[in-house]
Amino acid sequence: MDYEELLTLDDAAKVLKVSVRTLFRIRQTGALYHTMAGKRVRYTLEQLHDYIRRNIVKPGVKASAAKPNKPKDPEQSRAERELREAHGITF
């Protein structure tokens, strides 16, 4: 992971062009990785771009029918959980 500038909730919402409340709901579903800086939630541009890539709607699919996609690789999730526990990192 490249350590780039960490974005606040407000900054990340502006990047995605959604409200802060919407961004919070997306994060609560587990569809958007985030980073903890102490007790504060922060985002990297890579995390936001990853979310966008996983939620591209194919032509012919109604946007209202598309649900945010969570990361699907259980091994990746397990590895991230182990990394988080070992180093206190949150994705």
N, C-alpha and C. Protein backbone atom coordinates (compact mmCIF):
# COMPACT_ATOMS: atom_id res chain seq x y z
N MET A 1 0.86 -1.18 0.00
CA MET A 1 0.00 0.00 0.00
C MET A 1 0.89 1.22 0.00
N ASP A 2 0.63 2.12 -0.90
CA ASP A 2 1.34 3.38 -0.95
C ASP A 2 0.76 4.30 0.11
N TYR A 3 1.62 4.86 0.94
CA TYR A 3 1.12 5.77 1.97
C TYR A 3 1.01 7.16 1.36
N GLU A 4 -0.18 7.49 1.00
CA GLU A 4 -0.45 8.78 0.38
C GLU A 4 -1.25 9.63 1.35
N GLU A 5 -1.65 10.77 0.91
CA GLU A 5 -2.41 11.66 1.77
C GLU A 5 -3.71 10.99 2.22
N LEU A 6 -3.99 11.11 3.50
CA LEU A 6 -5.24 10.58 4.04
C LEU A 6 -6.31 11.65 3.97
N LEU A 7 -7.49 11.26 3.50
CA LEU A 7 -8.60 12.19 3.34
C LEU A 7 -9.59 12.05 4.49
N THR A 8 -10.17 13.15 4.91
CA THR A 8 -11.20 13.14 5.92
C THR A 8 -12.51 12.66 5.30
N LEU A 9 -13.50 12.46 6.14
CA LEU A 9 -14.83 12.07 5.67
C LEU A 9 -15.37 13.11 4.69
N ASP A 10 -15.24 14.39 5.03
CA ASP A 10 -15.72 15.46 4.15
C ASP A 10 -14.99 15.44 2.81
N ASP A 11 -13.66 15.30 2.86
CA ASP A 11 -12.87 15.29 1.62
C ASP A 11 -13.24 14.09 0.75
N ALA A 12 -13.38 12.92 1.35
CA ALA A 12 -13.72 11.72 0.60
C ALA A 12 -15.11 11.84 -0.02
N ALA A 13 -16.04 12.41 0.71
CA ALA A 13 -17.39 12.61 0.17
C ALA A 13 -17.35 13.53 -1.05
N LYS A 14 -16.52 14.56 -1.00
CA LYS A 14 -16.38 15.46 -2.14
C LYS A 14 -15.80 14.74 -3.35
N VAL A 15 -14.81 13.87 -3.11
CA VAL A 15 -14.21 13.12 -4.22
C VAL A 15 -15.27 12.24 -4.89
N LEU A 16 -16.09 11.56 -4.09
CA LEU A 16 -17.12 10.68 -4.64
C LEU A 16 -18.38 11.42 -5.07
N LYS A 17 -18.44 12.72 -4.71
CA LYS A 17 -19.60 13.56 -5.04
C LYS A 17 -20.89 13.01 -4.42
N VAL A 18 -20.78 12.63 -3.14
CA VAL A 18 -21.92 12.17 -2.36
C VAL A 18 -21.93 12.95 -1.04
N SER A 19 -23.01 12.84 -0.31
CA SER A 19 -23.07 13.49 1.00
C SER A 19 -22.24 12.69 2.00
N VAL A 20 -21.89 13.36 3.09
CA VAL A 20 -21.15 12.69 4.16
C VAL A 20 -21.98 11.54 4.71
N ARG A 21 -23.27 11.75 4.84
CA ARG A 21 -24.16 10.69 5.35
C ARG A 21 -24.15 9.47 4.43
N THR A 22 -24.19 9.70 3.12
CA THR A 22 -24.14 8.59 2.16
C THR A 22 -22.82 7.85 2.26
N LEU A 23 -21.72 8.59 2.36
CA LEU A 23 -20.42 7.95 2.50
C LEU A 23 -20.36 7.10 3.77
N PHE A 24 -20.90 7.61 4.84
CA PHE A 24 -20.93 6.87 6.10
C PHE A 24 -21.72 5.56 5.92
N ARG A 25 -22.88 5.63 5.26
CA ARG A 25 -23.69 4.42 5.04
C ARG A 25 -22.94 3.41 4.17
N ILE A 26 -22.26 3.90 3.14
CA ILE A 26 -21.49 3.00 2.27
C ILE A 26 -20.42 2.28 3.10
N ARG A 27 -19.73 3.03 3.94
CA ARG A 27 -18.69 2.43 4.78
C ARG A 27 -19.28 1.41 5.74
N GLN A 28 -20.43 1.71 6.30
CA GLN A 28 -21.07 0.80 7.26
C GLN A 28 -21.46 -0.53 6.62
N THR A 29 -21.72 -0.55 5.31
CA THR A 29 -22.07 -1.81 4.63
C THR A 29 -20.85 -2.69 4.42
N GLY A 30 -19.66 -2.12 4.60
CA GLY A 30 -18.43 -2.88 4.36
C GLY A 30 -17.96 -2.80 2.93
N ALA A 31 -18.60 -1.98 2.12
CA ALA A 31 -18.25 -1.88 0.70
C ALA A 31 -17.08 -0.94 0.44
N LEU A 32 -16.70 -0.15 1.43
CA LEU A 32 -15.64 0.84 1.25
C LEU A 32 -14.59 0.67 2.34
N TYR A 33 -13.37 0.31 1.92
CA TYR A 33 -12.27 0.23 2.87
C TYR A 33 -11.97 1.61 3.42
N HIS A 34 -11.45 1.63 4.63
CA HIS A 34 -11.03 2.89 5.24
C HIS A 34 -9.84 2.61 6.14
N THR A 35 -9.23 3.67 6.60
CA THR A 35 -8.05 3.58 7.45
C THR A 35 -8.34 4.32 8.74
N MET A 36 -7.87 3.78 9.85
CA MET A 36 -8.04 4.47 11.12
C MET A 36 -6.76 5.20 11.47
N ALA A 37 -6.89 6.48 11.78
CA ALA A 37 -5.77 7.28 12.27
C ALA A 37 -6.14 7.62 13.71
N GLY A 38 -5.69 6.79 14.62
CA GLY A 38 -6.17 6.90 16.00
C GLY A 38 -7.62 6.46 16.02
N LYS A 39 -8.50 7.34 16.47
CA LYS A 39 -9.93 7.04 16.47
C LYS A 39 -10.65 7.67 15.28
N ARG A 40 -9.90 8.28 14.40
CA ARG A 40 -10.48 8.99 13.26
C ARG A 40 -10.46 8.12 12.00
N VAL A 41 -11.55 8.16 11.26
CA VAL A 41 -11.65 7.43 10.00
C VAL A 41 -11.05 8.30 8.90
N ARG A 42 -10.18 7.69 8.10
CA ARG A 42 -9.57 8.38 6.97
C ARG A 42 -9.63 7.47 5.75
N TYR A 43 -9.50 8.08 4.58
CA TYR A 43 -9.56 7.35 3.32
C TYR A 43 -8.36 7.74 2.47
N THR A 44 -7.91 6.79 1.65
CA THR A 44 -6.90 7.11 0.64
C THR A 44 -7.62 7.19 -0.71
N LEU A 45 -7.00 7.86 -1.65
CA LEU A 45 -7.59 7.91 -2.99
C LEU A 45 -7.70 6.51 -3.58
N GLU A 46 -6.72 5.65 -3.28
CA GLU A 46 -6.76 4.28 -3.79
C GLU A 46 -7.99 3.53 -3.26
N GLN A 47 -8.33 3.72 -2.00
CA GLN A 47 -9.53 3.08 -1.43
C GLN A 47 -10.79 3.57 -2.13
N LEU A 48 -10.84 4.86 -2.42
CA LEU A 48 -12.01 5.41 -3.11
C LEU A 48 -12.07 4.90 -4.55
N HIS A 49 -10.92 4.87 -5.23
CA HIS A 49 -10.89 4.37 -6.61
C HIS A 49 -11.26 2.89 -6.66
N ASP A 50 -10.81 2.12 -5.67
CA ASP A 50 -11.16 0.70 -5.61
C ASP A 50 -12.68 0.53 -5.49
N TYR A 51 -13.29 1.34 -4.65
CA TYR A 51 -14.75 1.29 -4.49
C TYR A 51 -15.44 1.61 -5.81
N ILE A 52 -14.96 2.63 -6.50
CA ILE A 52 -15.56 3.02 -7.78
C ILE A 52 -15.42 1.89 -8.79
N ARG A 53 -14.23 1.30 -8.90
CA ARG A 53 -14.00 0.20 -9.86
C ARG A 53 -14.94 -0.98 -9.59
N ARG A 54 -15.15 -1.30 -8.32
CA ARG A 54 -16.00 -2.45 -7.99
C ARG A 54 -17.48 -2.16 -8.18
N ASN A 55 -17.85 -0.91 -8.41
CA ASN A 55 -19.26 -0.56 -8.51
C ASN A 55 -19.64 0.05 -9.85
N ILE A 56 -18.88 -0.26 -10.87
CA ILE A 56 -19.24 0.19 -12.21
C ILE A 56 -20.46 -0.61 -12.65
N VAL A 57 -21.48 0.09 -13.12
CA VAL A 57 -22.72 -0.55 -13.54
C VAL A 57 -22.64 -0.83 -15.04
N LYS A 58 -22.92 -2.07 -15.41
CA LYS A 58 -22.86 -2.47 -16.81
C LYS A 58 -24.02 -1.84 -17.58
N PRO A 59 -23.81 -1.58 -18.88
CA PRO A 59 -24.89 -1.04 -19.70
C PRO A 59 -26.10 -1.97 -19.66
N GLY A 60 -27.27 -1.38 -19.59
CA GLY A 60 -28.50 -2.16 -19.57
C GLY A 60 -28.97 -2.54 -18.18
N VAL A 61 -28.17 -2.29 -17.16
CA VAL A 61 -28.55 -2.60 -15.79
C VAL A 61 -29.02 -1.30 -15.14
N LYS A 62 -30.19 -1.34 -14.54
CA LYS A 62 -30.70 -0.15 -13.88
C LYS A 62 -29.82 0.16 -12.67
N ALA A 63 -29.44 1.41 -12.54
CA ALA A 63 -28.57 1.82 -11.44
C ALA A 63 -29.21 1.50 -10.10
N SER A 64 -30.54 1.62 -9.99
CA SER A 64 -31.21 1.34 -8.72
C SER A 64 -31.14 -0.14 -8.36
N ALA A 65 -30.92 -1.01 -9.35
CA ALA A 65 -30.84 -2.44 -9.10
C ALA A 65 -29.43 -2.86 -8.69
N ALA A 66 -28.47 -2.00 -8.94
CA ALA A 66 -27.09 -2.32 -8.61
C ALA A 66 -26.83 -2.02 -7.14
N LYS A 67 -26.25 -2.97 -6.44
CA LYS A 67 -25.92 -2.79 -5.03
C LYS A 67 -24.41 -2.62 -4.91
N PRO A 68 -23.95 -1.88 -3.90
CA PRO A 68 -22.50 -1.77 -3.72
C PRO A 68 -21.88 -3.14 -3.53
N ASN A 69 -20.79 -3.37 -4.22
CA ASN A 69 -20.10 -4.66 -4.15
C ASN A 69 -19.05 -4.64 -3.06
N LYS A 70 -19.11 -5.63 -2.20
CA LYS A 70 -18.08 -5.80 -1.18
C LYS A 70 -16.94 -6.58 -1.80
N PRO A 71 -15.74 -6.43 -1.30
CA PRO A 71 -14.66 -7.28 -1.78
C PRO A 71 -15.04 -8.75 -1.59
N LYS A 72 -14.78 -9.58 -2.60
CA LYS A 72 -15.30 -10.95 -2.57
C LYS A 72 -14.28 -12.02 -2.22
N ASP A 73 -13.01 -11.70 -2.21
CA ASP A 73 -11.99 -12.71 -1.99
C ASP A 73 -11.85 -12.99 -0.49
N PRO A 74 -12.34 -14.16 0.00
CA PRO A 74 -12.26 -14.45 1.43
C PRO A 74 -10.83 -14.54 1.94
N GLU A 75 -9.90 -15.00 1.10
CA GLU A 75 -8.50 -15.06 1.51
C GLU A 75 -7.94 -13.66 1.73
N GLN A 76 -8.33 -12.74 0.86
CA GLN A 76 -7.88 -11.36 1.02
C GLN A 76 -8.45 -10.79 2.31
N SER A 77 -9.71 -11.06 2.58
CA SER A 77 -10.34 -10.57 3.80
C SER A 77 -9.65 -11.15 5.03
N ARG A 78 -9.31 -12.44 4.99
CA ARG A 78 -8.62 -13.08 6.11
C ARG A 78 -7.24 -12.46 6.30
N ALA A 79 -6.53 -12.25 5.20
CA ALA A 79 -5.19 -11.67 5.28
C ALA A 79 -5.26 -10.24 5.83
N GLU A 80 -6.25 -9.49 5.41
CA GLU A 80 -6.41 -8.12 5.91
C GLU A 80 -6.75 -8.14 7.39
N ARG A 81 -7.56 -9.06 7.81
CA ARG A 81 -7.93 -9.17 9.23
C ARG A 81 -6.68 -9.49 10.06
N GLU A 82 -5.86 -10.41 9.57
CA GLU A 82 -4.63 -10.75 10.28
C GLU A 82 -3.68 -9.56 10.34
N LEU A 83 -3.56 -8.84 9.23
CA LEU A 83 -2.70 -7.66 9.19
C LEU A 83 -3.20 -6.60 10.16
N ARG A 84 -4.51 -6.40 10.17
CA ARG A 84 -5.12 -5.42 11.06
C ARG A 84 -4.85 -5.78 12.52
N GLU A 85 -5.01 -7.05 12.85
CA GLU A 85 -4.79 -7.49 14.23
C GLU A 85 -3.32 -7.37 14.63
N ALA A 86 -2.42 -7.68 13.70
CA ALA A 86 -1.00 -7.66 13.99
C ALA A 86 -0.43 -6.25 14.10
N HIS A 87 -0.98 -5.34 13.28
CA HIS A 87 -0.40 -4.00 13.20
C HIS A 87 -1.37 -2.87 13.53
N GLY A 88 -2.60 -3.21 13.89
CA GLY A 88 -3.58 -2.18 14.20
C GLY A 88 -4.01 -1.39 12.98
N ILE A 89 -3.96 -2.01 11.79
CA ILE A 89 -4.31 -1.33 10.55
C ILE A 89 -5.75 -1.68 10.19
N THR A 90 -6.50 -0.68 9.74
CA THR A 90 -7.86 -0.90 9.27
C THR A 90 -7.96 -0.49 7.83
N PHE A 91 -8.55 -1.33 7.00
CA PHE A 91 -8.72 -1.03 5.58
C PHE A 91 -10.07 -0.42 5.36
